[in-house]
């Protein structure tokens, strides 16, 4: 039996805890050992969650430990997951049983996939991708490492989401569009052409935001 440790005990971490208890491996392949978070009081006022064990920086990996990274911001997800990887930690996938994985879907490790996601035929999903509830991926979508897809976002066929890209809630990407590395698509936006690296786009149709 593995001991699952959740990196991050804030709001998203609490959601990932429930996801872990709803997946088929719970109490069969793993139990939830607790959280890692440098805010030791992050769960104060919240009941029915396991303990915060330590910060990521101070944690010493034990035999049978496995990890998921429950941080909703790509920058910090990558940072803290890499700290655990450098210590020799191993990450598992949490994929809700209501999620549909169609023919020839290929997935990496460290995935978090919430309820009722539909991952269509021949999609390729790399390591450490987060897919929240009710996301729809069209056929042949490619999602690269560290990407984050918020609830109800959608990709058409042959879309490519490059490393560290983010789709916010209800973002829609039309077929054959590429969202380049580090780009962010704002909530409820409609993307009709390629999004440049490290830019933020918003609106219908989505246009670059200047800060």
N, C-alpha and C. Protein backbone atom coordinates (compact mmCIF):
# COMPACT_ATOMS: atom_id res chain seq x y z
N UNK A 1 0.85 -1.20 0.00
CA UNK A 1 0.00 0.00 0.00
C UNK A 1 0.88 1.25 0.00
N UNK A 2 0.63 2.16 -0.93
CA UNK A 2 1.38 3.41 -1.01
C UNK A 2 0.75 4.47 -0.11
N UNK A 3 1.57 5.42 0.30
CA UNK A 3 1.12 6.56 1.10
C UNK A 3 1.12 7.80 0.22
N UNK A 4 -0.06 8.28 -0.12
CA UNK A 4 -0.19 9.43 -1.00
C UNK A 4 -0.05 10.72 -0.21
N UNK A 5 0.81 11.60 -0.69
CA UNK A 5 1.01 12.90 -0.08
C UNK A 5 0.63 13.97 -1.10
N UNK A 6 -0.20 14.91 -0.66
CA UNK A 6 -0.71 15.97 -1.52
C UNK A 6 0.10 17.24 -1.27
N UNK A 7 0.73 17.76 -2.31
CA UNK A 7 1.50 19.00 -2.19
C UNK A 7 0.53 20.16 -2.33
N UNK A 8 0.36 20.89 -1.24
CA UNK A 8 -0.57 22.02 -1.22
C UNK A 8 -1.81 21.70 -0.42
N UNK A 9 -2.06 22.49 0.63
CA UNK A 9 -3.21 22.25 1.50
C UNK A 9 -4.21 23.40 1.47
N UNK A 10 -4.14 24.22 0.43
CA UNK A 10 -5.09 25.33 0.32
C UNK A 10 -6.37 24.83 -0.34
N UNK A 11 -7.14 25.71 -0.93
CA UNK A 11 -8.43 25.31 -1.49
C UNK A 11 -8.33 24.20 -2.52
N UNK A 12 -7.40 24.33 -3.45
CA UNK A 12 -7.27 23.30 -4.48
C UNK A 12 -6.78 21.99 -3.88
N UNK A 13 -5.93 22.08 -2.88
CA UNK A 13 -5.47 20.87 -2.20
C UNK A 13 -6.61 20.11 -1.55
N UNK A 14 -7.56 20.85 -0.96
CA UNK A 14 -8.71 20.18 -0.36
C UNK A 14 -9.56 19.50 -1.42
N UNK A 15 -9.69 20.14 -2.58
CA UNK A 15 -10.42 19.50 -3.68
C UNK A 15 -9.71 18.23 -4.16
N UNK A 16 -8.40 18.30 -4.27
CA UNK A 16 -7.64 17.13 -4.73
C UNK A 16 -7.72 16.00 -3.70
N UNK A 17 -7.80 16.33 -2.43
CA UNK A 17 -8.00 15.28 -1.42
C UNK A 17 -9.28 14.51 -1.70
N UNK A 18 -10.38 15.22 -1.95
CA UNK A 18 -11.62 14.52 -2.25
C UNK A 18 -11.51 13.70 -3.53
N UNK A 19 -10.84 14.26 -4.54
CA UNK A 19 -10.61 13.50 -5.76
C UNK A 19 -9.87 12.20 -5.45
N UNK A 20 -8.85 12.28 -4.62
CA UNK A 20 -8.08 11.08 -4.27
C UNK A 20 -8.95 10.02 -3.61
N UNK A 21 -9.90 10.45 -2.77
CA UNK A 21 -10.77 9.47 -2.09
C UNK A 21 -11.82 8.88 -3.03
N UNK A 22 -12.05 9.52 -4.18
CA UNK A 22 -13.06 9.05 -5.12
C UNK A 22 -12.48 8.19 -6.24
N UNK A 23 -11.16 8.15 -6.36
CA UNK A 23 -10.52 7.37 -7.42
C UNK A 23 -10.46 5.89 -7.04
N UNK A 24 -10.35 5.04 -8.04
CA UNK A 24 -10.45 3.60 -7.83
C UNK A 24 -9.32 3.03 -6.99
N UNK A 25 -8.18 3.72 -6.94
CA UNK A 25 -7.05 3.19 -6.17
C UNK A 25 -7.12 3.45 -4.68
N UNK A 26 -8.08 4.28 -4.25
CA UNK A 26 -8.15 4.65 -2.82
C UNK A 26 -8.43 3.44 -1.95
N UNK A 27 -7.63 3.28 -0.93
CA UNK A 27 -7.69 2.16 0.02
C UNK A 27 -7.43 0.80 -0.62
N UNK A 28 -7.00 0.81 -1.87
CA UNK A 28 -6.60 -0.42 -2.56
C UNK A 28 -5.12 -0.33 -2.95
N UNK A 29 -4.78 0.77 -3.64
CA UNK A 29 -3.39 1.01 -4.02
C UNK A 29 -2.71 2.02 -3.11
N UNK A 30 -3.48 2.92 -2.50
CA UNK A 30 -2.90 3.97 -1.66
C UNK A 30 -3.89 4.41 -0.59
N UNK A 31 -3.33 4.99 0.47
CA UNK A 31 -4.09 5.76 1.45
C UNK A 31 -3.52 7.18 1.44
N UNK A 32 -4.28 8.14 1.93
CA UNK A 32 -3.80 9.52 1.95
C UNK A 32 -3.09 9.77 3.28
N UNK A 33 -1.81 10.05 3.18
CA UNK A 33 -0.97 10.26 4.37
C UNK A 33 -1.12 11.67 4.92
N UNK A 34 -1.28 12.65 4.03
CA UNK A 34 -1.42 14.04 4.48
C UNK A 34 -0.95 15.01 3.42
N UNK A 35 -0.76 16.26 3.86
CA UNK A 35 -0.39 17.36 2.97
C UNK A 35 1.02 17.85 3.27
N UNK A 36 1.64 18.45 2.27
CA UNK A 36 2.84 19.26 2.46
C UNK A 36 2.49 20.70 2.15
N UNK A 37 2.79 21.61 3.08
CA UNK A 37 2.49 23.02 2.87
C UNK A 37 3.33 23.82 3.87
N UNK A 38 3.90 24.94 3.41
CA UNK A 38 4.70 25.75 4.34
C UNK A 38 3.83 26.62 5.24
N UNK A 39 2.54 26.68 4.96
CA UNK A 39 1.59 27.39 5.84
C UNK A 39 0.95 26.34 6.75
N UNK A 40 1.55 26.13 7.88
CA UNK A 40 1.19 25.00 8.73
C UNK A 40 -0.23 25.10 9.26
N UNK A 41 -0.81 26.31 9.26
CA UNK A 41 -2.18 26.50 9.74
C UNK A 41 -3.19 26.60 8.60
N UNK A 42 -2.82 26.16 7.41
CA UNK A 42 -3.69 26.31 6.24
C UNK A 42 -5.03 25.61 6.39
N UNK A 43 -5.09 24.56 7.22
CA UNK A 43 -6.34 23.82 7.40
C UNK A 43 -7.08 24.21 8.67
N UNK A 44 -6.60 25.22 9.36
CA UNK A 44 -7.32 25.67 10.56
C UNK A 44 -8.72 26.12 10.19
N UNK A 45 -9.71 25.61 10.92
CA UNK A 45 -11.10 25.92 10.65
C UNK A 45 -11.78 24.97 9.68
N UNK A 46 -11.01 24.05 9.12
CA UNK A 46 -11.56 23.04 8.22
C UNK A 46 -11.46 21.67 8.88
N UNK A 47 -12.55 20.92 8.84
CA UNK A 47 -12.58 19.60 9.45
C UNK A 47 -12.54 18.51 8.39
N UNK A 48 -12.22 17.30 8.84
CA UNK A 48 -12.30 16.08 8.02
C UNK A 48 -11.24 15.99 6.94
N UNK A 49 -10.08 16.61 7.19
CA UNK A 49 -8.94 16.47 6.29
C UNK A 49 -7.76 15.87 7.05
N UNK A 50 -6.86 15.19 6.34
CA UNK A 50 -5.65 14.70 7.01
C UNK A 50 -4.73 15.86 7.37
N UNK A 51 -3.69 15.56 8.11
CA UNK A 51 -2.81 16.58 8.66
C UNK A 51 -1.86 17.17 7.62
N UNK A 52 -1.36 18.37 7.94
CA UNK A 52 -0.21 18.92 7.23
C UNK A 52 1.03 18.37 7.90
N UNK A 53 1.83 17.63 7.14
CA UNK A 53 2.96 16.92 7.71
C UNK A 53 4.17 17.82 7.85
N UNK A 54 4.41 18.65 6.84
CA UNK A 54 5.66 19.39 6.76
C UNK A 54 5.56 20.35 5.59
N UNK A 55 6.58 21.17 5.42
CA UNK A 55 6.75 21.90 4.17
C UNK A 55 7.38 20.97 3.14
N UNK A 56 7.28 21.34 1.87
CA UNK A 56 7.94 20.54 0.82
C UNK A 56 9.45 20.55 1.03
N UNK A 57 9.99 21.73 1.37
CA UNK A 57 11.43 21.86 1.51
C UNK A 57 11.98 20.96 2.61
N UNK A 58 11.25 20.80 3.69
CA UNK A 58 11.76 20.05 4.85
C UNK A 58 11.41 18.57 4.83
N UNK A 59 10.53 18.16 3.94
CA UNK A 59 10.06 16.78 3.99
C UNK A 59 11.12 15.80 3.50
N UNK A 60 11.32 14.73 4.28
CA UNK A 60 12.21 13.64 3.89
C UNK A 60 11.36 12.47 3.40
N UNK A 61 11.56 12.10 2.16
CA UNK A 61 10.73 11.07 1.52
C UNK A 61 10.94 9.72 2.18
N UNK A 62 9.82 9.07 2.46
CA UNK A 62 9.82 7.76 3.11
C UNK A 62 9.49 6.66 2.09
N UNK A 63 9.85 5.45 2.48
CA UNK A 63 9.50 4.31 1.64
C UNK A 63 7.99 4.24 1.47
N UNK A 64 7.55 3.96 0.27
CA UNK A 64 6.13 3.85 -0.10
C UNK A 64 5.42 5.19 -0.27
N UNK A 65 6.12 6.30 -0.15
CA UNK A 65 5.50 7.60 -0.43
C UNK A 65 5.29 7.78 -1.93
N UNK A 66 4.14 8.32 -2.31
CA UNK A 66 3.89 8.81 -3.67
C UNK A 66 3.21 10.17 -3.54
N UNK A 67 3.22 10.95 -4.63
CA UNK A 67 2.83 12.35 -4.53
C UNK A 67 1.89 12.75 -5.66
N UNK A 68 1.08 13.78 -5.38
CA UNK A 68 0.40 14.59 -6.40
C UNK A 68 0.61 16.04 -6.02
N UNK A 69 0.62 16.94 -7.02
CA UNK A 69 0.86 18.35 -6.77
C UNK A 69 -0.43 19.14 -6.99
N UNK A 70 -1.02 19.61 -5.90
CA UNK A 70 -2.33 20.28 -5.93
C UNK A 70 -2.15 21.79 -5.84
N UNK A 71 -1.46 22.35 -6.80
CA UNK A 71 -1.27 23.79 -6.87
C UNK A 71 -1.83 24.28 -8.20
N UNK A 72 -2.72 25.25 -8.14
CA UNK A 72 -3.46 25.66 -9.32
C UNK A 72 -2.72 26.62 -10.23
N UNK A 73 -1.61 27.19 -9.77
CA UNK A 73 -0.81 28.08 -10.58
C UNK A 73 0.36 27.32 -11.16
N UNK A 74 0.52 27.39 -12.47
CA UNK A 74 1.52 26.57 -13.15
C UNK A 74 2.92 26.80 -12.58
N UNK A 75 3.28 28.06 -12.34
CA UNK A 75 4.62 28.38 -11.84
C UNK A 75 4.93 27.62 -10.56
N UNK A 76 3.99 27.61 -9.62
CA UNK A 76 4.25 26.98 -8.32
C UNK A 76 4.08 25.47 -8.39
N UNK A 77 3.19 24.99 -9.24
CA UNK A 77 3.09 23.54 -9.45
C UNK A 77 4.43 23.00 -9.91
N UNK A 78 5.01 23.64 -10.90
CA UNK A 78 6.29 23.18 -11.43
C UNK A 78 7.39 23.27 -10.38
N UNK A 79 7.43 24.38 -9.68
CA UNK A 79 8.49 24.60 -8.67
C UNK A 79 8.48 23.51 -7.61
N UNK A 80 7.30 23.26 -7.03
CA UNK A 80 7.26 22.32 -5.90
C UNK A 80 7.32 20.87 -6.36
N UNK A 81 6.77 20.57 -7.50
CA UNK A 81 6.91 19.20 -8.02
C UNK A 81 8.37 18.89 -8.31
N UNK A 82 9.08 19.86 -8.86
CA UNK A 82 10.49 19.62 -9.16
C UNK A 82 11.31 19.46 -7.89
N UNK A 83 10.94 20.14 -6.81
CA UNK A 83 11.64 19.91 -5.54
C UNK A 83 11.50 18.46 -5.08
N UNK A 84 10.31 17.90 -5.22
CA UNK A 84 10.10 16.50 -4.83
C UNK A 84 10.81 15.56 -5.79
N UNK A 85 10.77 15.86 -7.07
CA UNK A 85 11.47 15.02 -8.05
C UNK A 85 12.97 14.99 -7.77
N UNK A 86 13.54 16.13 -7.38
CA UNK A 86 14.97 16.19 -7.07
C UNK A 86 15.33 15.33 -5.86
N UNK A 87 14.34 15.13 -4.97
CA UNK A 87 14.56 14.27 -3.81
C UNK A 87 14.31 12.80 -4.12
N UNK A 88 13.93 12.50 -5.35
CA UNK A 88 13.66 11.12 -5.74
C UNK A 88 12.23 10.68 -5.57
N UNK A 89 11.31 11.64 -5.36
CA UNK A 89 9.89 11.30 -5.20
C UNK A 89 9.25 10.84 -6.49
N UNK A 90 8.18 10.05 -6.34
CA UNK A 90 7.45 9.53 -7.49
C UNK A 90 6.02 10.04 -7.45
N UNK A 91 5.52 10.46 -8.62
CA UNK A 91 4.16 10.99 -8.72
C UNK A 91 3.24 9.98 -9.38
N UNK A 92 1.99 9.97 -8.94
CA UNK A 92 0.97 9.11 -9.53
C UNK A 92 -0.10 9.97 -10.21
N UNK A 93 -0.97 9.32 -10.95
CA UNK A 93 -2.11 9.99 -11.58
C UNK A 93 -3.36 9.83 -10.72
N UNK A 94 -4.14 10.89 -10.63
CA UNK A 94 -5.49 10.82 -10.05
C UNK A 94 -6.47 11.18 -11.16
N UNK A 95 -7.20 10.19 -11.64
CA UNK A 95 -8.16 10.39 -12.73
C UNK A 95 -9.53 9.93 -12.24
N UNK A 96 -10.46 10.86 -12.15
CA UNK A 96 -11.78 10.53 -11.61
C UNK A 96 -12.44 9.45 -12.45
N UNK A 97 -13.13 8.49 -11.81
CA UNK A 97 -13.72 7.38 -12.57
C UNK A 97 -14.80 7.79 -13.57
N UNK A 98 -15.36 8.99 -13.44
CA UNK A 98 -16.35 9.45 -14.42
C UNK A 98 -15.71 10.01 -15.69
N UNK A 99 -14.40 10.20 -15.69
CA UNK A 99 -13.71 10.72 -16.86
C UNK A 99 -13.71 9.67 -17.97
N UNK A 100 -13.89 10.11 -19.20
CA UNK A 100 -13.90 9.23 -20.36
C UNK A 100 -12.59 9.38 -21.12
N UNK A 101 -11.83 8.29 -21.19
CA UNK A 101 -10.60 8.24 -21.99
C UNK A 101 -10.90 7.41 -23.24
N UNK A 102 -10.96 8.05 -24.39
CA UNK A 102 -11.32 7.35 -25.62
C UNK A 102 -10.13 6.61 -26.23
N UNK A 103 -10.34 6.01 -27.37
CA UNK A 103 -9.36 5.14 -28.01
C UNK A 103 -8.03 5.85 -28.23
N UNK A 104 -6.96 5.15 -27.86
CA UNK A 104 -5.57 5.58 -28.12
C UNK A 104 -5.14 6.81 -27.35
N UNK A 105 -5.85 7.18 -26.31
CA UNK A 105 -5.39 8.28 -25.46
C UNK A 105 -4.10 7.86 -24.76
N UNK A 106 -3.13 8.77 -24.75
CA UNK A 106 -1.84 8.50 -24.12
C UNK A 106 -1.60 9.55 -23.04
N UNK A 107 -1.31 9.10 -21.82
CA UNK A 107 -1.12 10.03 -20.71
C UNK A 107 0.23 9.80 -20.04
N UNK A 108 0.74 10.87 -19.44
CA UNK A 108 1.99 10.80 -18.71
C UNK A 108 1.77 10.52 -17.24
N UNK A 109 2.63 11.08 -16.38
CA UNK A 109 2.51 10.87 -14.94
C UNK A 109 2.28 12.21 -14.24
N UNK A 110 1.80 12.12 -13.00
CA UNK A 110 1.52 13.32 -12.23
C UNK A 110 0.26 14.04 -12.67
N UNK A 111 -0.62 13.35 -13.41
CA UNK A 111 -1.86 13.97 -13.88
C UNK A 111 -2.88 14.09 -12.77
N UNK A 112 -3.67 15.16 -12.84
CA UNK A 112 -4.85 15.33 -12.00
C UNK A 112 -6.01 15.62 -12.94
N UNK A 113 -7.00 14.74 -12.95
CA UNK A 113 -8.15 14.89 -13.85
C UNK A 113 -9.42 14.73 -13.03
N UNK A 114 -10.26 15.78 -13.00
CA UNK A 114 -11.46 15.78 -12.20
C UNK A 114 -12.66 15.18 -12.95
N UNK A 115 -13.81 15.30 -12.35
CA UNK A 115 -15.01 14.58 -12.80
C UNK A 115 -15.49 15.02 -14.18
N UNK A 116 -16.01 14.04 -14.92
CA UNK A 116 -16.70 14.24 -16.19
C UNK A 116 -15.87 14.95 -17.26
N UNK A 117 -14.56 14.82 -17.19
CA UNK A 117 -13.75 15.28 -18.32
C UNK A 117 -13.92 14.28 -19.46
N UNK A 118 -13.97 14.78 -20.68
CA UNK A 118 -14.07 13.91 -21.86
C UNK A 118 -12.82 14.11 -22.71
N UNK A 119 -12.00 13.07 -22.77
CA UNK A 119 -10.73 13.13 -23.49
C UNK A 119 -10.88 12.26 -24.72
N UNK A 120 -10.99 12.90 -25.87
CA UNK A 120 -11.40 12.21 -27.08
C UNK A 120 -10.25 11.42 -27.71
N UNK A 121 -10.54 10.84 -28.85
CA UNK A 121 -9.65 9.89 -29.49
C UNK A 121 -8.28 10.47 -29.80
N UNK A 122 -7.25 9.66 -29.52
CA UNK A 122 -5.88 9.94 -29.94
C UNK A 122 -5.28 11.21 -29.34
N UNK A 123 -5.80 11.63 -28.20
CA UNK A 123 -5.19 12.75 -27.48
C UNK A 123 -3.90 12.29 -26.80
N UNK A 124 -2.96 13.22 -26.67
CA UNK A 124 -1.71 12.95 -25.98
C UNK A 124 -1.56 13.99 -24.87
N UNK A 125 -1.44 13.50 -23.64
CA UNK A 125 -1.34 14.38 -22.47
C UNK A 125 -0.03 14.08 -21.75
N UNK A 126 0.82 15.08 -21.63
CA UNK A 126 2.14 14.90 -21.04
C UNK A 126 2.07 14.94 -19.50
N UNK A 127 3.24 14.91 -18.88
CA UNK A 127 3.35 14.85 -17.42
C UNK A 127 2.86 16.13 -16.76
N UNK A 128 2.29 15.97 -15.57
CA UNK A 128 1.94 17.07 -14.66
C UNK A 128 0.92 18.03 -15.25
N UNK A 129 0.02 17.50 -16.04
CA UNK A 129 -1.10 18.30 -16.55
C UNK A 129 -2.25 18.22 -15.55
N UNK A 130 -2.92 19.34 -15.34
CA UNK A 130 -4.11 19.39 -14.49
C UNK A 130 -5.33 19.67 -15.37
N UNK A 131 -6.35 18.82 -15.24
CA UNK A 131 -7.59 18.98 -16.01
C UNK A 131 -8.74 18.99 -15.01
N UNK A 132 -9.39 20.12 -14.88
CA UNK A 132 -10.49 20.23 -13.91
C UNK A 132 -11.80 19.71 -14.51
N UNK A 133 -12.86 19.81 -13.73
CA UNK A 133 -14.11 19.16 -14.06
C UNK A 133 -14.75 19.66 -15.35
N UNK A 134 -15.37 18.74 -16.10
CA UNK A 134 -16.19 19.03 -17.27
C UNK A 134 -15.39 19.62 -18.44
N UNK A 135 -14.11 19.38 -18.46
CA UNK A 135 -13.29 19.80 -19.60
C UNK A 135 -13.55 18.85 -20.78
N UNK A 136 -13.56 19.40 -22.00
CA UNK A 136 -13.69 18.58 -23.20
C UNK A 136 -12.48 18.76 -24.10
N UNK A 137 -11.85 17.65 -24.45
CA UNK A 137 -10.71 17.70 -25.36
C UNK A 137 -11.10 17.03 -26.67
N UNK A 138 -11.01 17.78 -27.76
CA UNK A 138 -11.32 17.22 -29.06
C UNK A 138 -10.25 16.24 -29.52
N UNK A 139 -10.58 15.44 -30.51
CA UNK A 139 -9.67 14.41 -31.00
C UNK A 139 -8.31 15.00 -31.39
N UNK A 140 -7.27 14.24 -31.11
CA UNK A 140 -5.90 14.59 -31.50
C UNK A 140 -5.35 15.84 -30.81
N UNK A 141 -5.98 16.24 -29.74
CA UNK A 141 -5.42 17.33 -28.94
C UNK A 141 -4.11 16.88 -28.30
N UNK A 142 -3.13 17.77 -28.26
CA UNK A 142 -1.85 17.50 -27.60
C UNK A 142 -1.65 18.53 -26.50
N UNK A 143 -1.49 18.04 -25.27
CA UNK A 143 -1.27 18.91 -24.13
C UNK A 143 0.10 18.60 -23.55
N UNK A 144 0.94 19.61 -23.50
CA UNK A 144 2.31 19.38 -23.07
C UNK A 144 2.48 19.65 -21.57
N UNK A 145 3.66 19.38 -21.08
CA UNK A 145 3.96 19.30 -19.65
C UNK A 145 3.58 20.58 -18.91
N UNK A 146 3.02 20.40 -17.72
CA UNK A 146 2.70 21.44 -16.73
C UNK A 146 1.45 22.26 -17.08
N UNK A 147 0.79 21.99 -18.18
CA UNK A 147 -0.38 22.79 -18.55
C UNK A 147 -1.51 22.64 -17.53
N UNK A 148 -2.37 23.65 -17.46
CA UNK A 148 -3.52 23.65 -16.54
C UNK A 148 -4.77 24.04 -17.31
N UNK A 149 -5.80 23.19 -17.23
CA UNK A 149 -7.07 23.45 -17.91
C UNK A 149 -8.17 23.56 -16.85
N UNK A 150 -8.76 24.73 -16.73
CA UNK A 150 -9.80 24.95 -15.73
C UNK A 150 -11.14 24.39 -16.21
N UNK A 151 -12.09 24.35 -15.29
CA UNK A 151 -13.38 23.72 -15.53
C UNK A 151 -14.09 24.28 -16.76
N UNK A 152 -14.72 23.38 -17.50
CA UNK A 152 -15.54 23.68 -18.67
C UNK A 152 -14.75 24.24 -19.86
N UNK A 153 -13.44 24.21 -19.81
CA UNK A 153 -12.69 24.64 -20.99
C UNK A 153 -12.78 23.55 -22.06
N UNK A 154 -12.53 23.95 -23.32
CA UNK A 154 -12.73 23.04 -24.45
C UNK A 154 -11.67 23.28 -25.51
N UNK A 155 -11.19 22.18 -26.09
CA UNK A 155 -10.30 22.28 -27.24
C UNK A 155 -10.92 21.54 -28.41
N UNK A 156 -10.84 22.14 -29.60
CA UNK A 156 -11.25 21.44 -30.81
C UNK A 156 -10.19 20.45 -31.26
N UNK A 157 -10.47 19.75 -32.34
CA UNK A 157 -9.53 18.75 -32.85
C UNK A 157 -8.20 19.35 -33.26
N UNK A 158 -7.12 18.61 -32.97
CA UNK A 158 -5.75 18.95 -33.35
C UNK A 158 -5.21 20.21 -32.68
N UNK A 159 -5.83 20.64 -31.59
CA UNK A 159 -5.28 21.75 -30.82
C UNK A 159 -3.99 21.30 -30.13
N UNK A 160 -3.05 22.23 -29.98
CA UNK A 160 -1.83 21.98 -29.21
C UNK A 160 -1.74 23.03 -28.10
N UNK A 161 -1.63 22.55 -26.87
CA UNK A 161 -1.35 23.41 -25.72
C UNK A 161 0.08 23.12 -25.29
N UNK A 162 0.95 24.10 -25.46
CA UNK A 162 2.35 23.86 -25.15
C UNK A 162 2.62 23.95 -23.65
N UNK A 163 3.87 23.67 -23.28
CA UNK A 163 4.26 23.60 -21.87
C UNK A 163 3.88 24.87 -21.12
N UNK A 164 3.36 24.66 -19.89
CA UNK A 164 3.08 25.73 -18.93
C UNK A 164 1.96 26.66 -19.39
N UNK A 165 1.16 26.23 -20.33
CA UNK A 165 0.01 27.04 -20.76
C UNK A 165 -1.16 26.86 -19.81
N UNK A 166 -2.06 27.84 -19.80
CA UNK A 166 -3.21 27.82 -18.90
C UNK A 166 -4.47 28.20 -19.67
N UNK A 167 -5.51 27.39 -19.52
CA UNK A 167 -6.85 27.76 -19.99
C UNK A 167 -7.71 28.02 -18.77
N UNK A 168 -8.24 29.21 -18.65
CA UNK A 168 -9.13 29.51 -17.54
C UNK A 168 -10.56 29.07 -17.86
N UNK A 169 -11.43 29.20 -16.87
CA UNK A 169 -12.77 28.62 -16.92
C UNK A 169 -13.53 29.00 -18.19
N UNK A 170 -14.05 27.96 -18.87
CA UNK A 170 -14.87 28.08 -20.08
C UNK A 170 -14.12 28.63 -21.29
N UNK A 171 -12.82 28.63 -21.26
CA UNK A 171 -12.06 29.01 -22.46
C UNK A 171 -12.31 27.98 -23.56
N UNK A 172 -12.45 28.45 -24.79
CA UNK A 172 -12.68 27.58 -25.94
C UNK A 172 -11.59 27.84 -26.98
N UNK A 173 -10.96 26.76 -27.44
CA UNK A 173 -9.90 26.85 -28.43
C UNK A 173 -10.38 26.16 -29.69
N UNK A 174 -10.45 26.88 -30.80
CA UNK A 174 -10.94 26.30 -32.04
C UNK A 174 -9.93 25.30 -32.62
N UNK A 175 -10.40 24.40 -33.49
CA UNK A 175 -9.52 23.35 -34.04
C UNK A 175 -8.25 23.91 -34.69
N UNK A 176 -7.17 23.14 -34.55
CA UNK A 176 -5.87 23.40 -35.18
C UNK A 176 -5.13 24.60 -34.61
N UNK A 177 -5.62 25.20 -33.55
CA UNK A 177 -4.96 26.35 -32.94
C UNK A 177 -3.86 25.86 -32.00
N UNK A 178 -2.78 26.63 -31.91
CA UNK A 178 -1.68 26.34 -30.99
C UNK A 178 -1.63 27.44 -29.93
N UNK A 179 -1.63 27.03 -28.67
CA UNK A 179 -1.41 27.95 -27.55
C UNK A 179 0.03 27.73 -27.10
N UNK A 180 0.88 28.70 -27.33
CA UNK A 180 2.31 28.53 -27.13
C UNK A 180 2.71 28.50 -25.65
N UNK A 181 3.95 28.15 -25.43
CA UNK A 181 4.49 27.94 -24.09
C UNK A 181 4.24 29.15 -23.19
N UNK A 182 3.72 28.87 -21.98
CA UNK A 182 3.55 29.90 -20.97
C UNK A 182 2.40 30.86 -21.21
N UNK A 183 1.61 30.63 -22.26
CA UNK A 183 0.50 31.55 -22.55
C UNK A 183 -0.70 31.24 -21.66
N UNK A 184 -1.52 32.27 -21.45
CA UNK A 184 -2.72 32.16 -20.63
C UNK A 184 -3.93 32.63 -21.44
N UNK A 185 -5.00 31.82 -21.41
CA UNK A 185 -6.26 32.19 -22.06
C UNK A 185 -7.27 32.53 -20.97
N UNK A 186 -7.84 33.72 -21.02
CA UNK A 186 -8.75 34.18 -19.99
C UNK A 186 -10.08 33.45 -19.99
N UNK A 187 -10.78 33.57 -18.89
CA UNK A 187 -12.07 32.90 -18.71
C UNK A 187 -13.06 33.30 -19.79
N UNK A 188 -13.81 32.31 -20.29
CA UNK A 188 -14.89 32.50 -21.26
C UNK A 188 -14.41 33.10 -22.59
N UNK A 189 -13.13 32.95 -22.89
CA UNK A 189 -12.59 33.48 -24.14
C UNK A 189 -12.73 32.48 -25.28
N UNK A 190 -12.77 32.99 -26.50
CA UNK A 190 -12.82 32.16 -27.70
C UNK A 190 -11.56 32.43 -28.51
N UNK A 191 -10.71 31.42 -28.62
CA UNK A 191 -9.43 31.58 -29.31
C UNK A 191 -9.57 31.05 -30.73
N UNK A 192 -9.34 31.94 -31.71
CA UNK A 192 -9.53 31.57 -33.11
C UNK A 192 -8.22 31.53 -33.89
N UNK A 193 -7.12 31.97 -33.28
CA UNK A 193 -5.82 31.90 -33.94
C UNK A 193 -4.74 31.62 -32.90
N UNK A 194 -3.56 31.27 -33.35
CA UNK A 194 -2.49 30.88 -32.44
C UNK A 194 -2.19 31.97 -31.42
N UNK A 195 -1.85 31.52 -30.20
CA UNK A 195 -1.52 32.44 -29.11
C UNK A 195 -0.02 32.42 -28.90
N UNK A 196 0.60 33.59 -28.87
CA UNK A 196 2.05 33.68 -28.76
C UNK A 196 2.53 33.29 -27.37
N UNK A 197 3.80 32.90 -27.32
CA UNK A 197 4.43 32.47 -26.08
C UNK A 197 4.37 33.57 -25.02
N UNK A 198 4.05 33.14 -23.77
CA UNK A 198 4.07 34.02 -22.59
C UNK A 198 3.18 35.25 -22.72
N UNK A 199 2.09 35.12 -23.46
CA UNK A 199 1.13 36.21 -23.55
C UNK A 199 -0.17 35.80 -22.87
N UNK A 200 -1.00 36.79 -22.55
CA UNK A 200 -2.34 36.55 -22.01
C UNK A 200 -3.35 37.10 -23.00
N UNK A 201 -4.33 36.27 -23.36
CA UNK A 201 -5.38 36.71 -24.28
C UNK A 201 -6.73 36.57 -23.59
N UNK A 202 -7.67 37.43 -24.02
CA UNK A 202 -8.99 37.44 -23.39
C UNK A 202 -10.01 38.00 -24.37
N UNK A 203 -11.23 37.45 -24.31
CA UNK A 203 -12.34 38.02 -25.05
C UNK A 203 -12.85 37.12 -26.16
N UNK A 204 -13.82 37.65 -26.91
CA UNK A 204 -14.44 36.93 -28.03
C UNK A 204 -14.42 37.86 -29.24
N UNK A 205 -13.54 37.62 -30.21
CA UNK A 205 -12.46 36.64 -30.17
C UNK A 205 -11.35 37.10 -29.21
N UNK A 206 -10.53 36.16 -28.76
CA UNK A 206 -9.49 36.47 -27.78
C UNK A 206 -8.41 37.35 -28.39
N UNK A 207 -8.05 38.40 -27.66
CA UNK A 207 -6.99 39.30 -28.08
C UNK A 207 -6.00 39.50 -26.93
N UNK A 208 -4.79 39.88 -27.29
CA UNK A 208 -3.73 40.03 -26.30
C UNK A 208 -4.07 41.15 -25.32
N UNK A 209 -3.85 40.87 -24.04
CA UNK A 209 -4.00 41.88 -23.01
C UNK A 209 -2.65 42.51 -22.72
N UNK A 210 -2.63 43.82 -22.54
CA UNK A 210 -1.41 44.52 -22.18
C UNK A 210 -1.53 44.96 -20.72
N UNK A 211 -0.47 44.70 -19.97
CA UNK A 211 -0.49 45.05 -18.54
C UNK A 211 0.50 46.19 -18.27
